[in-house]
Amino acid sequence: MRGRGEVMARARRDTRFEIFGQEMLEKVVAKSGSSGRVYLPPDWIGKRVKVVRVD
């Protein structure tokens, strides 16, 4: 059985993603109540997006 520390250490390793898309933005997540929020351009409304945490 693994300890919690070992599981957390494995979860923090960087993973490589290959993503194909139309545009890319790099933003900092803002606090919004008890959650986080990222503002995107209005022309992205109704479009599919993917979010990857980098740090």
PDB file of N, CA and C in Angstrom:
ATOM      1  N   MET A   1       0.848  -1.185   0.000  1.00  0.00           N
ATOM      2  CA  MET A   1       0.000   0.000   0.000  1.00  0.00           C
ATOM      3  C   MET A   1       0.891   1.245   0.000  1.00  0.00           C
ATOM      4  N   ARG A   2       0.550   2.224  -0.791  1.00  0.00           N
ATOM      5  CA  ARG A   2       1.344   3.448  -0.892  1.00  0.00           C
ATOM      6  C   ARG A   2       0.893   4.474   0.134  1.00  0.00           C
ATOM      7  N   GLY A   3       1.869   5.244   0.612  1.00  0.00           N
ATOM      8  CA  GLY A   3       1.546   6.339   1.519  1.00  0.00           C
ATOM      9  C   GLY A   3       1.062   7.548   0.740  1.00  0.00           C
ATOM     10  N   ARG A   4       0.384   8.444   1.415  1.00  0.00           N
ATOM     11  CA  ARG A   4      -0.158   9.641   0.759  1.00  0.00           C
ATOM     12  C   ARG A   4       0.950  10.491   0.128  1.00  0.00           C
ATOM     13  N   GLY A   5       2.101  10.609   0.788  1.00  0.00           N
ATOM     14  CA  GLY A   5       3.209  11.402   0.258  1.00  0.00           C
ATOM     15  C   GLY A   5       3.700  10.880  -1.079  1.00  0.00           C
ATOM     16  N   GLU A   6       3.764   9.561  -1.206  1.00  0.00           N
ATOM     17  CA  GLU A   6       4.216   8.967  -2.471  1.00  0.00           C
ATOM     18  C   GLU A   6       3.212   9.237  -3.585  1.00  0.00           C
ATOM     19  N   VAL A   7       1.931   9.131  -3.285  1.00  0.00           N
ATOM     20  CA  VAL A   7       0.894   9.398  -4.280  1.00  0.00           C
ATOM     21  C   VAL A   7       0.951  10.857  -4.714  1.00  0.00           C
ATOM     22  N   MET A   8       1.109  11.792  -3.774  1.00  0.00           N
ATOM     23  CA  MET A   8       1.179  13.213  -4.109  1.00  0.00           C
ATOM     24  C   MET A   8       2.424  13.510  -4.941  1.00  0.00           C
ATOM     25  N   ALA A   9       3.545  12.885  -4.633  1.00  0.00           N
ATOM     26  CA  ALA A   9       4.772  13.105  -5.399  1.00  0.00           C
ATOM     27  C   ALA A   9       4.591  12.642  -6.837  1.00  0.00           C
ATOM     28  N   ARG A  10       3.916  11.545  -7.047  1.00  0.00           N
ATOM     29  CA  ARG A  10       3.681  11.047  -8.402  1.00  0.00           C
ATOM     30  C   ARG A  10       2.736  11.978  -9.153  1.00  0.00           C
ATOM     31  N   ALA A  11       1.757  12.559  -8.490  1.00  0.00           N
ATOM     32  CA  ALA A  11       0.785  13.428  -9.144  1.00  0.00           C
ATOM     33  C   ALA A  11       1.406  14.748  -9.585  1.00  0.00           C
ATOM     34  N   ARG A  12       2.503  15.179  -8.970  1.00  0.00           N
ATOM     35  CA  ARG A  12       3.107  16.469  -9.282  1.00  0.00           C
ATOM     36  C   ARG A  12       4.082  16.416 -10.451  1.00  0.00           C
ATOM     37  N   ARG A  13       4.371  15.263 -10.984  1.00  0.00           N
ATOM     38  CA  ARG A  13       5.282  15.170 -12.122  1.00  0.00           C
ATOM     39  C   ARG A  13       4.662  15.841 -13.340  1.00  0.00           C
ATOM     40  N   ASP A  14       5.515  16.471 -14.146  1.00  0.00           N
ATOM     41  CA  ASP A  14       5.018  17.074 -15.379  1.00  0.00           C
ATOM     42  C   ASP A  14       4.590  15.988 -16.355  1.00  0.00           C
ATOM     43  N   THR A  15       3.532  16.266 -17.080  1.00  0.00           N
ATOM     44  CA  THR A  15       3.025  15.382 -18.113  1.00  0.00           C
ATOM     45  C   THR A  15       3.047  16.141 -19.422  1.00  0.00           C
ATOM     46  N   ARG A  16       3.398  15.477 -20.484  1.00  0.00           N
ATOM     47  CA  ARG A  16       3.452  16.132 -21.793  1.00  0.00           C
ATOM     48  C   ARG A  16       2.113  15.951 -22.501  1.00  0.00           C
ATOM     49  N   PHE A  17       1.585  17.063 -23.031  1.00  0.00           N
ATOM     50  CA  PHE A  17       0.343  17.042 -23.789  1.00  0.00           C
ATOM     51  C   PHE A  17       0.624  17.556 -25.190  1.00  0.00           C
ATOM     52  N   GLU A  18       0.001  16.966 -26.177  1.00  0.00           N
ATOM     53  CA  GLU A  18       0.060  17.486 -27.544  1.00  0.00           C
ATOM     54  C   GLU A  18      -1.358  17.909 -27.883  1.00  0.00           C
ATOM     55  N   ILE A  19      -1.541  19.210 -28.101  1.00  0.00           N
ATOM     56  CA  ILE A  19      -2.875  19.767 -28.317  1.00  0.00           C
ATOM     57  C   ILE A  19      -2.891  20.494 -29.656  1.00  0.00           C
ATOM     58  N   PHE A  20      -3.916  20.260 -30.439  1.00  0.00           N
ATOM     59  CA  PHE A  20      -4.099  20.954 -31.707  1.00  0.00           C
ATOM     60  C   PHE A  20      -5.267  21.911 -31.558  1.00  0.00           C
ATOM     61  N   GLY A  21      -5.121  23.132 -32.047  1.00  0.00           N
ATOM     62  CA  GLY A  21      -6.202  24.103 -31.910  1.00  0.00           C
ATOM     63  C   GLY A  21      -6.009  25.298 -32.813  1.00  0.00           C
ATOM     64  N   GLN A  22      -6.829  26.305 -32.603  1.00  0.00           N
ATOM     65  CA  GLN A  22      -6.849  27.505 -33.430  1.00  0.00           C
ATOM     66  C   GLN A  22      -6.028  28.644 -32.839  1.00  0.00           C
ATOM     67  N   GLU A  23      -6.124  28.850 -31.531  1.00  0.00           N
ATOM     68  CA  GLU A  23      -5.432  29.944 -30.848  1.00  0.00           C
ATOM     69  C   GLU A  23      -4.988  29.460 -29.477  1.00  0.00           C
ATOM     70  N   MET A  24      -4.007  30.155 -28.905  1.00  0.00           N
ATOM     71  CA  MET A  24      -3.565  29.822 -27.559  1.00  0.00           C
ATOM     72  C   MET A  24      -3.358  31.104 -26.772  1.00  0.00           C
ATOM     73  N   LEU A  25      -3.800  31.101 -25.540  1.00  0.00           N
ATOM     74  CA  LEU A  25      -3.573  32.207 -24.612  1.00  0.00           C
ATOM     75  C   LEU A  25      -2.930  31.648 -23.358  1.00  0.00           C
ATOM     76  N   GLU A  26      -2.117  32.460 -22.710  1.00  0.00           N
ATOM     77  CA  GLU A  26      -1.586  32.087 -21.398  1.00  0.00           C
ATOM     78  C   GLU A  26      -2.102  33.110 -20.409  1.00  0.00           C
ATOM     79  N   LYS A  27      -2.814  32.645 -19.399  1.00  0.00           N
ATOM     80  CA  LYS A  27      -3.459  33.525 -18.426  1.00  0.00           C
ATOM     81  C   LYS A  27      -3.125  33.077 -17.015  1.00  0.00           C
ATOM     82  N   VAL A  28      -3.372  33.960 -16.055  1.00  0.00           N
ATOM     83  CA  VAL A  28      -3.286  33.622 -14.636  1.00  0.00           C
ATOM     84  C   VAL A  28      -4.715  33.532 -14.125  1.00  0.00           C
ATOM     85  N   VAL A  29      -5.020  32.483 -13.392  1.00  0.00           N
ATOM     86  CA  VAL A  29      -6.367  32.280 -12.858  1.00  0.00           C
ATOM     87  C   VAL A  29      -6.628  33.293 -11.757  1.00  0.00           C
ATOM     88  N   ALA A  30      -7.781  33.966 -11.830  1.00  0.00           N
ATOM     89  CA  ALA A  30      -8.191  34.948 -10.826  1.00  0.00           C
ATOM     90  C   ALA A  30      -9.117  34.277  -9.811  1.00  0.00           C
ATOM     91  N   LYS A  31      -9.107  34.764  -8.585  1.00  0.00           N
ATOM     92  CA  LYS A  31     -10.004  34.248  -7.549  1.00  0.00           C
ATOM     93  C   LYS A  31     -11.425  34.714  -7.850  1.00  0.00           C
ATOM     94  N   SER A  32     -12.367  33.809  -7.651  1.00  0.00           N
ATOM     95  CA  SER A  32     -13.777  34.119  -7.857  1.00  0.00           C
ATOM     96  C   SER A  32     -14.576  33.358  -6.803  1.00  0.00           C
ATOM     97  N   GLY A  33     -14.827  34.000  -5.672  1.00  0.00           N
ATOM     98  CA  GLY A  33     -15.503  33.320  -4.563  1.00  0.00           C
ATOM     99  C   GLY A  33     -14.610  32.218  -4.021  1.00  0.00           C
ATOM    100  N   SER A  34     -15.123  30.990  -4.000  1.00  0.00           N
ATOM    101  CA  SER A  34     -14.324  29.855  -3.531  1.00  0.00           C
ATOM    102  C   SER A  34     -13.779  29.046  -4.708  1.00  0.00           C
ATOM    103  N   SER A  35     -13.723  29.678  -5.872  1.00  0.00           N
ATOM    104  CA  SER A  35     -13.276  29.001  -7.081  1.00  0.00           C
ATOM    105  C   SER A  35     -12.281  29.880  -7.822  1.00  0.00           C
ATOM    106  N   GLY A  36     -11.911  29.489  -9.026  1.00  0.00           N
ATOM    107  CA  GLY A  36     -11.023  30.284  -9.865  1.00  0.00           C
ATOM    108  C   GLY A  36     -11.721  30.627 -11.165  1.00  0.00           C
ATOM    109  N   ARG A  37     -11.227  31.670 -11.827  1.00  0.00           N
ATOM    110  CA  ARG A  37     -11.863  32.112 -13.068  1.00  0.00           C
ATOM    111  C   ARG A  37     -10.787  32.558 -14.047  1.00  0.00           C
ATOM    112  N   VAL A  38     -11.002  32.250 -15.318  1.00  0.00           N
ATOM    113  CA  VAL A  38     -10.134  32.718 -16.395  1.00  0.00           C
ATOM    114  C   VAL A  38     -11.026  33.438 -17.395  1.00  0.00           C
ATOM    115  N   TYR A  39     -10.699  34.685 -17.685  1.00  0.00           N
ATOM    116  CA  TYR A  39     -11.464  35.453 -18.661  1.00  0.00           C
ATOM    117  C   TYR A  39     -10.912  35.196 -20.056  1.00  0.00           C
ATOM    118  N   LEU A  40     -11.793  34.924 -20.992  1.00  0.00           N
ATOM    119  CA  LEU A  40     -11.413  34.646 -22.375  1.00  0.00           C
ATOM    120  C   LEU A  40     -12.106  35.636 -23.306  1.00  0.00           C
ATOM    121  N   PRO A  41     -11.598  35.790 -24.519  1.00  0.00           N
ATOM    122  CA  PRO A  41     -12.199  36.743 -25.457  1.00  0.00           C
ATOM    123  C   PRO A  41     -13.664  36.398 -25.760  1.00  0.00           C
ATOM    124  N   PRO A  42     -14.487  37.416 -25.987  1.00  0.00           N
ATOM    125  CA  PRO A  42     -15.910  37.165 -26.240  1.00  0.00           C
ATOM    126  C   PRO A  42     -16.174  36.325 -27.491  1.00  0.00           C
ATOM    127  N   ASP A  43     -15.280  36.367 -28.470  1.00  0.00           N
ATOM    128  CA  ASP A  43     -15.518  35.555 -29.669  1.00  0.00           C
ATOM    129  C   ASP A  43     -15.266  34.064 -29.408  1.00  0.00           C
ATOM    130  N   TRP A  44     -14.778  33.715 -28.217  1.00  0.00           N
ATOM    131  CA  TRP A  44     -14.603  32.317 -27.836  1.00  0.00           C
ATOM    132  C   TRP A  44     -15.876  31.744 -27.202  1.00  0.00           C
ATOM    133  N   ILE A  45     -16.878  32.557 -26.959  1.00  0.00           N
ATOM    134  CA  ILE A  45     -18.127  32.083 -26.340  1.00  0.00           C
ATOM    135  C   ILE A  45     -18.751  31.019 -27.239  1.00  0.00           C
ATOM    136  N   GLY A  46     -19.115  29.900 -26.644  1.00  0.00           N
ATOM    137  CA  GLY A  46     -19.715  28.789 -27.377  1.00  0.00           C
ATOM    138  C   GLY A  46     -18.692  27.851 -28.007  1.00  0.00           C
ATOM    139  N   LYS A  47     -17.413  28.166 -27.884  1.00  0.00           N
ATOM    140  CA  LYS A  47     -16.355  27.323 -28.447  1.00  0.00           C
ATOM    141  C   LYS A  47     -15.838  26.357 -27.386  1.00  0.00           C
ATOM    142  N   ARG A  48     -15.257  25.253 -27.823  1.00  0.00           N
ATOM    143  CA  ARG A  48     -14.640  24.289 -26.904  1.00  0.00           C
ATOM    144  C   ARG A  48     -13.229  24.758 -26.593  1.00  0.00           C
ATOM    145  N   VAL A  49     -12.838  24.683 -25.327  1.00  0.00           N
ATOM    146  CA  VAL A  49     -11.484  25.043 -24.903  1.00  0.00           C
ATOM    147  C   VAL A  49     -10.933  23.925 -24.022  1.00  0.00           C
ATOM    148  N   LYS A  50      -9.600  23.885 -23.904  1.00  0.00           N
ATOM    149  CA  LYS A  50      -8.934  22.942 -23.008  1.00  0.00           C
ATOM    150  C   LYS A  50      -8.032  23.755 -22.109  1.00  0.00           C
ATOM    151  N   VAL A  51      -8.014  23.423 -20.836  1.00  0.00           N
ATOM    152  CA  VAL A  51      -7.211  24.154 -19.862  1.00  0.00           C
ATOM    153  C   VAL A  51      -6.180  23.193 -19.279  1.00  0.00           C
ATOM    154  N   VAL A  52      -4.913  23.602 -19.284  1.00  0.00           N
ATOM    155  CA  VAL A  52      -3.829  22.797 -18.731  1.00  0.00           C
ATOM    156  C   VAL A  52      -3.120  23.633 -17.679  1.00  0.00           C
ATOM    157  N   ARG A  53      -3.022  23.130 -16.455  1.00  0.00           N
ATOM    158  CA  ARG A  53      -2.298  23.843 -15.394  1.00  0.00           C
ATOM    159  C   ARG A  53      -0.812  23.606 -15.605  1.00  0.00           C
ATOM    160  N   VAL A  54      -0.032  24.693 -15.698  1.00  0.00           N
ATOM    161  CA  VAL A  54       1.397  24.556 -15.978  1.00  0.00           C
ATOM    162  C   VAL A  54       2.278  24.740 -14.750  1.00  0.00           C
ATOM    163  N   ASP A  55       1.773  25.274 -13.650  1.00  0.00           N
ATOM    164  CA  ASP A  55       2.555  25.357 -12.416  1.00  0.00           C
ATOM    165  C   ASP A  55       1.647  25.310 -11.207  1.00  0.00           C
TER     166      ASP A  55
END
